[in-house]
C-alpha atoms as a PDB file:
ATOM      1  CA  MET A   1     161.342 -35.940  84.394  1.00  0.00           C
ATOM      2  CA  ILE A   2     161.229 -35.737  80.594  1.00  0.00           C
ATOM      3  CA  ALA A   3     162.364 -38.011  77.778  1.00  0.00           C
ATOM      4  CA  GLU A   4     165.590 -36.232  76.818  1.00  0.00           C
ATOM      5  CA  THR A   5     167.090 -36.890  80.275  1.00  0.00           C
ATOM      6  CA  LEU A   6     166.803 -40.665  79.767  1.00  0.00           C
ATOM      7  CA  ILE A   7     168.029 -40.981  76.177  1.00  0.00           C
ATOM      8  CA  SER A   8     170.647 -43.631  75.468  1.00  0.00           C
ATOM      9  CA  ASN A   9     172.997 -43.526  72.486  1.00  0.00           C
ATOM     10  CA  GLU A  10     174.471 -46.954  73.183  1.00  0.00           C
ATOM     11  CA  ILE A  11     171.982 -48.638  70.869  1.00  0.00           C
ATOM     12  CA  ILE A  12     172.892 -47.832  67.271  1.00  0.00           C
ATOM     13  CA  PRO A  13     169.872 -47.502  64.954  1.00  0.00           C
ATOM     14  CA  LEU A  14     169.533 -49.716  61.907  1.00  0.00           C
ATOM     15  CA  ARG A  15     170.138 -48.522  58.374  1.00  0.00           C
ATOM     16  CA  THR A  16     167.866 -49.650  55.563  1.00  0.00           C
ATOM     17  CA  SER A  17     170.790 -51.641  54.134  1.00  0.00           C
ATOM     18  CA  ASP A  18     171.279 -53.714  57.310  1.00  0.00           C
ATOM     19  CA  THR A  19     169.995 -57.266  57.055  1.00  0.00           C
ATOM     20  CA  GLY A  20     167.501 -58.990  59.313  1.00  0.00           C
ATOM     21  CA  GLU A  21     170.292 -61.225  60.600  1.00  0.00           C
ATOM     22  CA  GLU A  22     172.330 -58.166  61.640  1.00  0.00           C
ATOM     23  CA  ALA A  23     169.255 -56.704  63.326  1.00  0.00           C
ATOM     24  CA  LEU A  24     168.633 -59.937  65.276  1.00  0.00           C
ATOM     25  CA  SER A  25     172.257 -59.955  66.392  1.00  0.00           C
ATOM     26  CA  MET A  26     171.970 -56.379  67.669  1.00  0.00           C
ATOM     27  CA  MET A  27     168.701 -57.162  69.453  1.00  0.00           C
ATOM     28  CA  ASN A  28     170.390 -60.092  71.148  1.00  0.00           C
ATOM     29  CA  ASP A  29     173.349 -57.931  72.200  1.00  0.00           C
ATOM     30  CA  PHE A  30     171.131 -55.268  73.794  1.00  0.00           C
ATOM     31  CA  TYR A  31     168.382 -57.588  75.109  1.00  0.00           C
ATOM     32  CA  VAL A  32     165.603 -55.830  73.175  1.00  0.00           C
ATOM     33  CA  ARG A  33     163.009 -56.959  70.625  1.00  0.00           C
ATOM     34  CA  HIS A  34     162.796 -53.692  68.689  1.00  0.00           C
ATOM     35  CA  LEU A  35     165.203 -51.386  66.877  1.00  0.00           C
ATOM     36  CA  PRO A  36     164.668 -48.066  65.089  1.00  0.00           C
ATOM     37  CA  ILE A  37     165.420 -47.728  61.379  1.00  0.00           C
ATOM     38  CA  VAL A  38     166.979 -44.338  60.603  1.00  0.00           C
ATOM     39  CA  ASN A  39     167.981 -42.710  57.317  1.00  0.00           C
ATOM     40  CA  ASN A  40     170.440 -39.938  58.170  1.00  0.00           C
ATOM     41  CA  LYS A  41     168.395 -38.278  60.948  1.00  0.00           C
ATOM     42  CA  GLN A  42     164.960 -39.338  59.709  1.00  0.00           C
ATOM     43  CA  LEU A  43     163.162 -41.976  61.758  1.00  0.00           C
ATOM     44  CA  LEU A  44     161.663 -44.372  59.196  1.00  0.00           C
ATOM     45  CA  GLY A  45     160.059 -46.795  61.608  1.00  0.00           C
ATOM     46  CA  LEU A  46     160.514 -49.353  64.345  1.00  0.00           C
ATOM     47  CA  LEU A  47     161.502 -52.901  63.438  1.00  0.00           C
ATOM     48  CA  SER A  48     160.313 -55.747  65.652  1.00  0.00           C
ATOM     49  CA  GLU A  49     161.728 -59.218  66.072  1.00  0.00           C
ATOM     50  CA  ASP A  50     158.475 -60.607  64.640  1.00  0.00           C
ATOM     51  CA  ASP A  51     158.914 -58.507  61.480  1.00  0.00           C
ATOM     52  CA  ILE A  52     162.260 -60.202  60.823  1.00  0.00           C
ATOM     53  CA  LEU A  53     160.854 -63.679  61.450  1.00  0.00           C
ATOM     54  CA  ASN A  54     158.081 -62.996  58.926  1.00  0.00           C
ATOM     55  CA  TYR A  55     160.581 -62.176  56.172  1.00  0.00           C
ATOM     56  CA  ASP A  56     163.894 -63.439  54.855  1.00  0.00           C
ATOM     57  CA  ALA A  57     166.477 -62.583  57.522  1.00  0.00           C
ATOM     58  CA  GLY A  58     169.120 -62.361  54.807  1.00  0.00           C
ATOM     59  CA  GLU A  59     167.371 -59.440  53.118  1.00  0.00           C
ATOM     60  CA  ALA A  60     167.862 -55.753  53.921  1.00  0.00           C
ATOM     61  CA  VAL A  61     165.395 -54.425  56.494  1.00  0.00           C
ATOM     62  CA  GLY A  62     164.534 -51.578  54.129  1.00  0.00           C
ATOM     63  CA  SER A  63     162.583 -54.097  52.047  1.00  0.00           C
ATOM     64  CA  TYR A  64     160.372 -55.135  54.983  1.00  0.00           C
ATOM     65  CA  SER A  65     156.820 -53.956  55.565  1.00  0.00           C
ATOM     66  CA  LEU A  66     156.751 -53.010  59.234  1.00  0.00           C
ATOM     67  CA  SER A  67     153.913 -54.407  61.357  1.00  0.00           C
ATOM     68  CA  MET A  68     153.290 -51.283  63.418  1.00  0.00           C
ATOM     69  CA  VAL A  69     152.880 -47.561  62.905  1.00  0.00           C
ATOM     70  CA  ARG A  70     155.834 -45.298  63.605  1.00  0.00           C
ATOM     71  CA  PRO A  71     155.693 -44.970  67.412  1.00  0.00           C
ATOM     72  CA  TYR A  72     158.014 -42.389  68.934  1.00  0.00           C
ATOM     73  CA  ALA A  73     158.291 -39.871  71.759  1.00  0.00           C
ATOM     74  CA  HIS A  74     159.255 -36.211  71.643  1.00  0.00           C
ATOM     75  CA  ARG A  75     162.226 -35.104  73.711  1.00  0.00           C
ATOM     76  CA  LYS A  76     159.995 -33.023  76.016  1.00  0.00           C
ATOM     77  CA  ASP A  77     157.467 -35.805  76.673  1.00  0.00           C
ATOM     78  CA  HIS A  78     156.946 -36.727  80.314  1.00  0.00           C
ATOM     79  CA  ILE A  79     157.984 -40.198  81.463  1.00  0.00           C
ATOM     80  CA  TYR A  80     154.311 -41.092  81.978  1.00  0.00           C
ATOM     81  CA  GLU A  81     153.806 -40.609  78.239  1.00  0.00           C
ATOM     82  CA  LEU A  82     156.774 -42.917  77.607  1.00  0.00           C
ATOM     83  CA  LEU A  83     155.198 -45.582  79.792  1.00  0.00           C
ATOM     84  CA  ARG A  84     151.912 -45.220  77.922  1.00  0.00           C
ATOM     85  CA  LEU A  85     153.608 -45.709  74.550  1.00  0.00           C
ATOM     86  CA  LEU A  86     155.676 -48.662  75.731  1.00  0.00           C
ATOM     87  CA  ALA A  87     152.585 -50.353  77.162  1.00  0.00           C
ATOM     88  CA  GLU A  88     150.259 -49.535  74.262  1.00  0.00           C
ATOM     89  CA  TYR A  89     152.607 -50.934  71.609  1.00  0.00           C
ATOM     90  CA  HIS A  90     154.238 -53.622  73.818  1.00  0.00           C
ATOM     91  CA  LEU A  91     157.695 -52.172  73.147  1.00  0.00           C
ATOM     92  CA  THR A  92     161.090 -52.866  74.663  1.00  0.00           C
ATOM     93  CA  LEU A  93     162.297 -49.397  73.644  1.00  0.00           C
ATOM     94  CA  ILE A  94     160.894 -46.168  72.237  1.00  0.00           C
ATOM     95  CA  PRO A  95     162.653 -43.870  69.727  1.00  0.00           C
ATOM     96  CA  VAL A  96     162.920 -40.180  70.657  1.00  0.00           C
ATOM     97  CA  VAL A  97     162.840 -37.259  68.213  1.00  0.00           C
ATOM     98  CA  ASP A  98     163.662 -33.563  68.597  1.00  0.00           C
ATOM     99  CA  ASP A  99     161.522 -30.537  67.768  1.00  0.00           C
ATOM    100  CA  ASP A 100     162.240 -31.043  64.053  1.00  0.00           C
ATOM    101  CA  GLU A 101     161.273 -34.738  64.417  1.00  0.00           C
ATOM    102  CA  ASP A 102     164.869 -35.807  63.781  1.00  0.00           C
ATOM    103  CA  TYR A 103     165.975 -38.988  65.552  1.00  0.00           C
ATOM    104  CA  ILE A 104     168.120 -38.346  68.663  1.00  0.00           C
ATOM    105  CA  GLY A 105     168.183 -41.700  70.463  1.00  0.00           C
ATOM    106  CA  VAL A 106     166.101 -44.323  72.266  1.00  0.00           C
ATOM    107  CA  ILE A 107     164.813 -45.017  75.756  1.00  0.00           C
ATOM    108  CA  THR A 108     164.626 -48.660  76.774  1.00  0.00           C
ATOM    109  CA  LEU A 109     161.955 -50.158  78.991  1.00  0.00           C
ATOM    110  CA  GLU A 110     164.718 -51.428  81.269  1.00  0.00           C
ATOM    111  CA  SER A 111     166.249 -47.968  81.791  1.00  0.00           C
ATOM    112  CA  LEU A 112     162.811 -46.495  82.500  1.00  0.00           C
ATOM    113  CA  LEU A 113     162.063 -49.149  85.136  1.00  0.00           C
ATOM    114  CA  ILE A 114     165.478 -48.598  86.732  1.00  0.00           C
ATOM    115  CA  HIS A 115     164.767 -44.864  86.892  1.00  0.00           C
ATOM    116  CA  PHE A 116     161.484 -45.485  88.700  1.00  0.00           C
ATOM    117  CA  ALA A 117     163.103 -47.976  91.075  1.00  0.00           C
ATOM    118  CA  GLN A 118     165.704 -45.378  92.090  1.00  0.00           C
ATOM    119  CA  THR A 119     163.193 -42.623  92.883  1.00  0.00           C
ATOM    120  CA  ALA A 120     162.377 -41.889  96.516  1.00  0.00           C
ATOM    121  CA  SER A 121     158.817 -43.172  96.209  1.00  0.00           C
ATOM    122  CA  PHE A 122     160.178 -46.676  95.508  1.00  0.00           C
ATOM    123  CA  SER A 123     163.523 -46.736  97.314  1.00  0.00           C
ATOM    124  CA  GLU A 124     162.457 -45.070 100.581  1.00  0.00           C
ATOM    125  CA  PRO A 125     161.262 -47.550 103.214  1.00  0.00           C
ATOM    126  CA  GLY A 126     157.589 -47.611 104.020  1.00  0.00           C
ATOM    127  CA  SER A 127     154.366 -49.549 103.718  1.00  0.00           C
ATOM    128  CA  ILE A 128     151.801 -50.050 100.979  1.00  0.00           C
ATOM    129  CA  LEU A 129     148.039 -49.898 101.369  1.00  0.00           C
ATOM    130  CA  VAL A 130     145.395 -50.809  98.790  1.00  0.00           C
ATOM    131  CA  LEU A 131     142.025 -49.111  99.227  1.00  0.00           C
ATOM    132  CA  GLU A 132     138.860 -50.070  97.358  1.00  0.00           C
ATOM    133  CA  MET A 133     136.069 -47.530  96.811  1.00  0.00           C
ATOM    134  CA  SER A 134     133.509 -46.306  94.348  1.00  0.00           C
ATOM    135  CA  LYS A 135     134.762 -43.919  91.689  1.00  0.00           C
ATOM    136  CA  ARG A 136     132.498 -41.124  92.899  1.00  0.00           C
ATOM    137  CA  ASP A 137     133.976 -41.331  96.433  1.00  0.00           C
ATOM    138  CA  TYR A 138     137.592 -41.023  95.336  1.00  0.00           C
ATOM    139  CA  SER A 139     139.493 -38.027  96.723  1.00  0.00           C
ATOM    140  CA  LEU A 140     143.267 -38.211  97.029  1.00  0.00           C
ATOM    141  CA  ALA A 141     143.222 -34.957  98.992  1.00  0.00           C
ATOM    142  CA  GLU A 142     140.935 -36.535 101.597  1.00  0.00           C
ATOM    143  CA  ILE A 143     143.053 -39.711 101.807  1.00  0.00           C
ATOM    144  CA  ALA A 144     146.234 -37.629 102.148  1.00  0.00           C
ATOM    145  CA  ARG A 145     144.624 -35.553 104.906  1.00  0.00           C
ATOM    146  CA  ILE A 146     143.813 -38.696 106.888  1.00  0.00           C
ATOM    147  CA  VAL A 147     147.337 -40.112 106.426  1.00  0.00           C
ATOM    148  CA  GLU A 148     148.933 -36.793 107.408  1.00  0.00           C
ATOM    149  CA  SER A 149     146.732 -36.603 110.510  1.00  0.00           C
ATOM    150  CA  GLU A 150     148.706 -39.658 111.702  1.00  0.00           C
ATOM    151  CA  ASN A 151     152.038 -37.846 111.162  1.00  0.00           C
ATOM    152  CA  ALA A 152     152.801 -39.731 107.956  1.00  0.00           C
ATOM    153  CA  ALA A 153     152.943 -38.845 104.260  1.00  0.00           C
ATOM    154  CA  ILE A 154     152.006 -40.457 100.955  1.00  0.00           C
ATOM    155  CA  LEU A 155     155.127 -41.071  98.842  1.00  0.00           C
ATOM    156  CA  SER A 156     153.300 -42.262  95.730  1.00  0.00           C
ATOM    157  CA  SER A 157     149.901 -43.431  94.560  1.00  0.00           C
ATOM    158  CA  PHE A 158     148.214 -44.917  91.535  1.00  0.00           C
ATOM    159  CA  ILE A 159     144.725 -45.965  90.506  1.00  0.00           C
ATOM    160  CA  THR A 160     143.629 -49.318  89.110  1.00  0.00           C
ATOM    161  CA  THR A 161     140.253 -49.174  87.444  1.00  0.00           C
ATOM    162  CA  ASN A 162     137.971 -51.231  85.227  1.00  0.00           C
ATOM    163  CA  LEU A 163     135.772 -49.542  82.634  1.00  0.00           C
ATOM    164  CA  GLU A 164     133.022 -52.066  83.341  1.00  0.00           C
ATOM    165  CA  SER A 165     132.997 -51.382  87.082  1.00  0.00           C
ATOM    166  CA  THR A 166     132.061 -48.411  89.244  1.00  0.00           C
ATOM    167  CA  ARG A 167     134.745 -49.415  91.761  1.00  0.00           C
ATOM    168  CA  LEU A 168     138.475 -48.723  91.759  1.00  0.00           C
ATOM    169  CA  ASP A 169     141.592 -49.590  93.749  1.00  0.00           C
ATOM    170  CA  ILE A 170     143.905 -46.900  95.118  1.00  0.00           C
ATOM    171  CA  THR A 171     147.429 -48.092  95.913  1.00  0.00           C
ATOM    172  CA  ILE A 172     149.387 -45.738  98.173  1.00  0.00           C
ATOM    173  CA  LYS A 173     152.889 -45.969  99.579  1.00  0.00           C
ATOM    174  CA  ILE A 174     153.317 -44.391 103.011  1.00  0.00           C
ATOM    175  CA  ASN A 175     156.609 -43.387 104.629  1.00  0.00           C
ATOM    176  CA  ARG A 176     155.961 -45.447 107.767  1.00  0.00           C
ATOM    177  CA  GLN A 177     156.608 -49.086 108.589  1.00  0.00           C
ATOM    178  CA  ASN A 178     153.888 -49.319 111.255  1.00  0.00           C
ATOM    179  CA  VAL A 179     150.593 -48.289 109.669  1.00  0.00           C
ATOM    180  CA  GLN A 180     148.064 -49.910 112.006  1.00  0.00           C
ATOM    181  CA  SER A 181     146.893 -46.558 113.340  1.00  0.00           C
ATOM    182  CA  ILE A 182     146.545 -45.231 109.773  1.00  0.00           C
ATOM    183  CA  ILE A 183     144.493 -48.287 108.771  1.00  0.00           C
ATOM    184  CA  ALA A 184     142.260 -47.823 111.828  1.00  0.00           C
ATOM    185  CA  THR A 185     141.703 -44.134 111.010  1.00  0.00           C
ATOM    186  CA  LEU A 186     140.927 -44.884 107.352  1.00  0.00           C
ATOM    187  CA  GLU A 187     138.407 -47.527 108.386  1.00  0.00           C
ATOM    188  CA  ARG A 188     136.868 -45.086 110.848  1.00  0.00           C
ATOM    189  CA  PHE A 189     136.206 -42.819 107.869  1.00  0.00           C
ATOM    190  CA  ASN A 190     134.564 -45.785 106.067  1.00  0.00           C
ATOM    191  CA  TYR A 191     137.465 -46.537 103.729  1.00  0.00           C
ATOM    192  CA  GLU A 192     137.844 -50.215 102.845  1.00  0.00           C
ATOM    193  CA  VAL A 193     141.472 -51.299 103.265  1.00  0.00           C
ATOM    194  CA  LYS A 194     141.717 -54.155 100.807  1.00  0.00           C
ATOM    195  CA  ALA A 195     145.354 -55.107 101.516  1.00  0.00           C
ATOM    196  CA  SER A 196     148.464 -53.896 103.321  1.00  0.00           C
ATOM    197  CA  PHE A 197     152.121 -54.710 102.790  1.00  0.00           C
ATOM    198  CA  ASN A 198     154.891 -53.887 105.247  1.00  0.00           C
ATOM    199  CA  GLU A 199     158.333 -53.826 103.630  1.00  0.00           C
ATOM    200  CA  SER A 200     160.208 -54.757 106.802  1.00  0.00           C
ATOM    201  CA  ASP A 201     158.013 -57.862 107.235  1.00  0.00           C
ATOM    202  CA  TYR A 202     158.599 -58.762 103.595  1.00  0.00           C
ATOM    203  CA  VAL A 203     162.386 -58.443 103.935  1.00  0.00           C
ATOM    204  CA  GLY A 204     162.264 -60.474 107.131  1.00  0.00           C
ATOM    205  CA  SER A 205     160.300 -63.219 105.384  1.00  0.00           C
ATOM    206  CA  LEU A 206     162.847 -63.313 102.568  1.00  0.00           C
ATOM    207  CA  GLN A 207     165.684 -63.596 105.106  1.00  0.00           C
ATOM    208  CA  GLU A 208     163.928 -66.505 106.842  1.00  0.00           C
ATOM    209  CA  ARG A 209     163.507 -68.314 103.519  1.00  0.00           C
ATOM    210  CA  TYR A 210     167.137 -67.669 102.623  1.00  0.00           C
ATOM    211  CA  ASP A 211     168.338 -69.006 106.000  1.00  0.00           C
ATOM    212  CA  ALA A 212     166.159 -72.106 105.597  1.00  0.00           C
ATOM    213  CA  LEU A 213     167.573 -72.736 102.121  1.00  0.00           C
ATOM    214  CA  MET A 214     171.168 -72.364 103.371  1.00  0.00           C
ATOM    215  CA  SER A 215     170.449 -74.725 106.244  1.00  0.00           C
ATOM    216  CA  TYR A 216     169.005 -77.288 103.809  1.00  0.00           C
ATOM    217  CA  LEU A 217     171.990 -77.023 101.457  1.00  0.00           C
ATOM    218  CA  ASN A 218     174.441 -77.512 104.336  1.00  0.00           C
ATOM    219  CA  VAL A 219     172.805 -80.761 105.438  1.00  0.00           C
END
């Protein structure tokens, strides 16, 4: 999945003549804290809510000194690059430019999260395991082989690491609700299973809490 498939044109970019008050109103309407400033097709920069609060909101945004560099994504950038930019600059949206670096739209953090939530790796039922190991022992191929030996498959995985540590956590989602045999096999191969989460148990727990709340409210 690349950036151009997620571009939204609903959010209209600011012009240099728009005031800070107008920008705040637009941010409020679209539930974002950033807006691009565009002159014709040229992306001039990204205005933040903090920038407006540091200046006179009645003045044109073209007179502001922006607090950040000009972050943007190219239309062919992968969604992982979008996530990196959004996280690095703490953005609620990222402008997208074409091959000529002309502005073509924005991608919001919300739309990106919705996209991930709708992918099979998130929406398909299953269980989640967290493994802890040393960095030198990490092999996704080996972990996948063990999972597949139990007639299951890894739907997604990601690594959590600390630069000051030689250890890391591997979070994997497996397309099975009952993963006790998989946990036992992993432990037999000396993998440390730090945590496990079964989605059906989680949904059941939520239902129990909901029923208890309804019972309390009906008293």
